[in-house]
C-alpha atoms as a PDB file:
ATOM      1  CA  MET A   1     -81.107 219.279-203.448  1.00  0.00           C
ATOM      2  CA  GLU A   2     -78.233 217.513-205.252  1.00  0.00           C
ATOM      3  CA  GLN A   3     -78.745 216.362-208.762  1.00  0.00           C
ATOM      4  CA  GLN A   4     -78.436 212.566-209.405  1.00  0.00           C
ATOM      5  CA  LYS A   5     -78.157 210.335-212.474  1.00  0.00           C
ATOM      6  CA  LEU A   6     -81.392 208.898-213.894  1.00  0.00           C
ATOM      7  CA  PRO A   7     -81.775 205.322-212.933  1.00  0.00           C
ATOM      8  CA  ASN A   8     -80.510 202.882-215.467  1.00  0.00           C
ATOM      9  CA  ALA A   9     -79.350 205.684-217.883  1.00  0.00           C
ATOM     10  CA  THR A  10     -76.142 203.818-218.721  1.00  0.00           C
ATOM     11  CA  LEU A  11     -77.878 200.385-218.999  1.00  0.00           C
ATOM     12  CA  ILE A  12     -80.382 201.902-221.378  1.00  0.00           C
ATOM     13  CA  LEU A  13     -77.623 203.241-223.600  1.00  0.00           C
ATOM     14  CA  VAL A  14     -75.707 199.843-223.578  1.00  0.00           C
ATOM     15  CA  PHE A  15     -78.879 197.839-224.289  1.00  0.00           C
ATOM     16  CA  GLY A  16     -79.743 200.259-227.202  1.00  0.00           C
ATOM     17  CA  ILE A  17     -76.309 199.650-228.594  1.00  0.00           C
ATOM     18  CA  LEU A  18     -76.526 195.837-228.093  1.00  0.00           C
ATOM     19  CA  SER A  19     -79.949 195.778-229.838  1.00  0.00           C
ATOM     20  CA  ILE A  20     -78.319 197.167-232.973  1.00  0.00           C
ATOM     21  CA  VAL A  21     -75.156 194.958-232.751  1.00  0.00           C
ATOM     22  CA  THR A  22     -77.205 191.768-232.122  1.00  0.00           C
ATOM     23  CA  CYS A  23     -79.987 192.356-234.653  1.00  0.00           C
ATOM     24  CA  CYS A  24     -78.453 189.840-237.101  1.00  0.00           C
ATOM     25  CA  CYS A  25     -78.643 187.016-234.503  1.00  0.00           C
ATOM     26  CA  TYR A  26     -81.879 185.861-236.148  1.00  0.00           C
ATOM     27  CA  GLY A  27     -83.503 189.088-234.968  1.00  0.00           C
ATOM     28  CA  VAL A  28     -84.576 187.643-231.637  1.00  0.00           C
ATOM     29  CA  ILE A  29     -81.701 188.784-229.378  1.00  0.00           C
ATOM     30  CA  GLY A  30     -81.721 192.293-230.822  1.00  0.00           C
ATOM     31  CA  LEU A  31     -85.445 192.533-230.301  1.00  0.00           C
ATOM     32  CA  ILE A  32     -85.263 191.496-226.648  1.00  0.00           C
ATOM     33  CA  PHE A  33     -82.418 194.032-226.008  1.00  0.00           C
ATOM     34  CA  GLY A  34     -84.391 196.762-227.861  1.00  0.00           C
ATOM     35  CA  ILE A  35     -87.645 196.162-226.089  1.00  0.00           C
ATOM     36  CA  VAL A  36     -86.085 196.090-222.585  1.00  0.00           C
ATOM     37  CA  SER A  37     -84.180 199.283-223.427  1.00  0.00           C
ATOM     38  CA  LEU A  38     -87.245 201.003-224.663  1.00  0.00           C
ATOM     39  CA  VAL A  39     -89.303 200.085-221.603  1.00  0.00           C
ATOM     40  CA  LEU A  40     -86.536 201.267-219.230  1.00  0.00           C
ATOM     41  CA  ALA A  41     -86.143 204.484-221.291  1.00  0.00           C
ATOM     42  CA  ASN A  42     -89.826 205.274-221.159  1.00  0.00           C
ATOM     43  CA  LYS A  43     -89.859 204.932-217.295  1.00  0.00           C
ATOM     44  CA  ALA A  44     -86.782 207.047-216.989  1.00  0.00           C
ATOM     45  CA  ILE A  45     -88.128 209.709-219.297  1.00  0.00           C
ATOM     46  CA  ALA A  46     -91.406 209.838-217.245  1.00  0.00           C
ATOM     47  CA  LEU A  47     -89.386 210.172-214.079  1.00  0.00           C
ATOM     48  CA  TYR A  48     -87.297 212.932-215.652  1.00  0.00           C
ATOM     49  CA  LYS A  49     -90.410 214.873-216.846  1.00  0.00           C
ATOM     50  CA  ALA A  50     -91.796 214.726-213.262  1.00  0.00           C
ATOM     51  CA  ASN A  51     -88.726 216.440-211.775  1.00  0.00           C
ATOM     52  CA  PRO A  52     -86.246 217.621-214.426  1.00  0.00           C
ATOM     53  CA  GLU A  53     -84.180 219.604-211.936  1.00  0.00           C
ATOM     54  CA  LEU A  54     -83.330 216.459-209.838  1.00  0.00           C
ATOM     55  CA  TYR A  55     -81.782 214.402-212.512  1.00  0.00           C
ATOM     56  CA  THR A  56     -78.906 214.405-215.004  1.00  0.00           C
ATOM     57  CA  ASP A  57     -78.043 212.077-217.928  1.00  0.00           C
ATOM     58  CA  ALA A  58     -81.295 212.613-219.886  1.00  0.00           C
ATOM     59  CA  SER A  59     -79.149 212.716-223.039  1.00  0.00           C
ATOM     60  CA  ASN A  60     -77.990 209.187-222.453  1.00  0.00           C
ATOM     61  CA  VAL A  61     -81.527 207.968-221.993  1.00  0.00           C
ATOM     62  CA  LYS A  62     -82.793 209.724-225.223  1.00  0.00           C
ATOM     63  CA  THR A  63     -79.781 208.318-227.157  1.00  0.00           C
ATOM     64  CA  GLY A  64     -80.509 204.890-225.814  1.00  0.00           C
ATOM     65  CA  ARG A  65     -84.127 205.107-226.726  1.00  0.00           C
ATOM     66  CA  ILE A  66     -83.297 206.137-230.295  1.00  0.00           C
ATOM     67  CA  LEU A  67     -80.772 203.370-230.598  1.00  0.00           C
ATOM     68  CA  ALA A  68     -83.323 200.931-229.205  1.00  0.00           C
ATOM     69  CA  ILE A  69     -85.939 201.963-231.795  1.00  0.00           C
ATOM     70  CA  ILE A  70     -83.365 201.504-234.511  1.00  0.00           C
ATOM     71  CA  GLY A  71     -82.425 198.110-233.166  1.00  0.00           C
ATOM     72  CA  ILE A  72     -86.014 197.024-232.926  1.00  0.00           C
ATOM     73  CA  VAL A  73     -86.652 197.965-236.559  1.00  0.00           C
ATOM     74  CA  LEU A  74     -83.506 196.173-237.816  1.00  0.00           C
ATOM     75  CA  SER A  75     -84.239 193.143-235.642  1.00  0.00           C
ATOM     76  CA  VAL A  76     -87.838 192.949-237.015  1.00  0.00           C
ATOM     77  CA  LEU A  77     -86.529 193.234-240.564  1.00  0.00           C
ATOM     78  CA  ALA A  78     -83.887 190.534-239.950  1.00  0.00           C
ATOM     79  CA  LEU A  79     -86.624 188.321-238.338  1.00  0.00           C
ATOM     80  CA  ILE A  80     -88.904 188.793-241.430  1.00  0.00           C
ATOM     81  CA  TYR A  81     -86.027 187.995-243.716  1.00  0.00           C
ATOM     82  CA  TYR A  82     -85.210 184.677-241.979  1.00  0.00           C
ATOM     83  CA  ILE A  83     -88.941 183.749-241.801  1.00  0.00           C
ATOM     84  CA  GLY A  84     -89.083 184.471-245.543  1.00  0.00           C
ATOM     85  CA  ILE A  85     -86.101 182.287-246.283  1.00  0.00           C
ATOM     86  CA  ILE A  86     -87.552 179.400-244.217  1.00  0.00           C
ATOM     87  CA  ALA A  87     -90.977 179.850-245.937  1.00  0.00           C
ATOM     88  CA  TYR A  88     -89.429 179.916-249.403  1.00  0.00           C
ATOM     89  CA  PHE A  89     -86.916 177.109-249.139  1.00  0.00           C
ATOM     90  CA  GLY A  90     -88.321 174.999-246.233  1.00  0.00           C
ATOM     91  CA  MET A  91     -86.470 173.708-243.186  1.00  0.00           C
ATOM     92  CA  ASP A  92     -85.562 170.366-244.950  1.00  0.00           C
ATOM     93  CA  THR A  93     -83.814 172.255-247.716  1.00  0.00           C
ATOM     94  CA  ILE A  94     -81.973 174.572-245.417  1.00  0.00           C
ATOM     95  CA  GLN A  95     -80.674 171.810-243.311  1.00  0.00           C
ATOM     96  CA  ASP A  96     -79.439 169.668-246.234  1.00  0.00           C
ATOM     97  CA  GLN A  97     -76.512 171.385-247.906  1.00  0.00           C
ATOM     98  CA  GLN A  98     -76.717 169.415-251.097  1.00  0.00           C
ATOM     99  CA  LEU A  99     -80.436 170.085-251.629  1.00  0.00           C
ATOM    100  CA  MET A 100     -79.891 173.793-250.789  1.00  0.00           C
ATOM    101  CA  GLN A 101     -77.167 173.961-253.443  1.00  0.00           C
ATOM    102  CA  GLU A 102     -79.598 172.499-256.025  1.00  0.00           C
ATOM    103  CA  LYS A 103     -82.288 174.962-255.069  1.00  0.00           C
ATOM    104  CA  LEU A 104     -79.942 177.911-255.402  1.00  0.00           C
ATOM    105  CA  GLU A 105     -78.642 176.671-258.752  1.00  0.00           C
ATOM    106  CA  GLU A 106     -82.278 176.198-259.915  1.00  0.00           C
ATOM    107  CA  LEU A 107     -83.140 179.696-258.633  1.00  0.00           C
ATOM    108  CA  LEU A 108     -80.228 181.317-260.354  1.00  0.00           C
ATOM    109  CA  GLY A 109     -80.892 179.430-263.514  1.00  0.00           C
ATOM    110  CA  GLN A 110     -77.460 177.606-263.794  1.00  0.00           C
END
């Protein structure tokens, strides 16, 4: 029987890369890409383990899975950072540039 590519192997790799690239977009977009990539990778790995002689591109799936995990961790850290900034300064302060400048000067002791 002829070997074929694992389903979504390239998509998993691309989504893993996008999860890292977009982790700074408030953490949400990178988190979505990372989770989707991780779910697809787990399905592809299970399919590969069932019949390893039928499929190729297992390395792309493994690489995409690792990138997705890194992207999820970075996105969660970014999300925690942004939530912490909002909790510390408050939404009103963040939206008002003058008030934000005053709070930063107060924080830095100037």
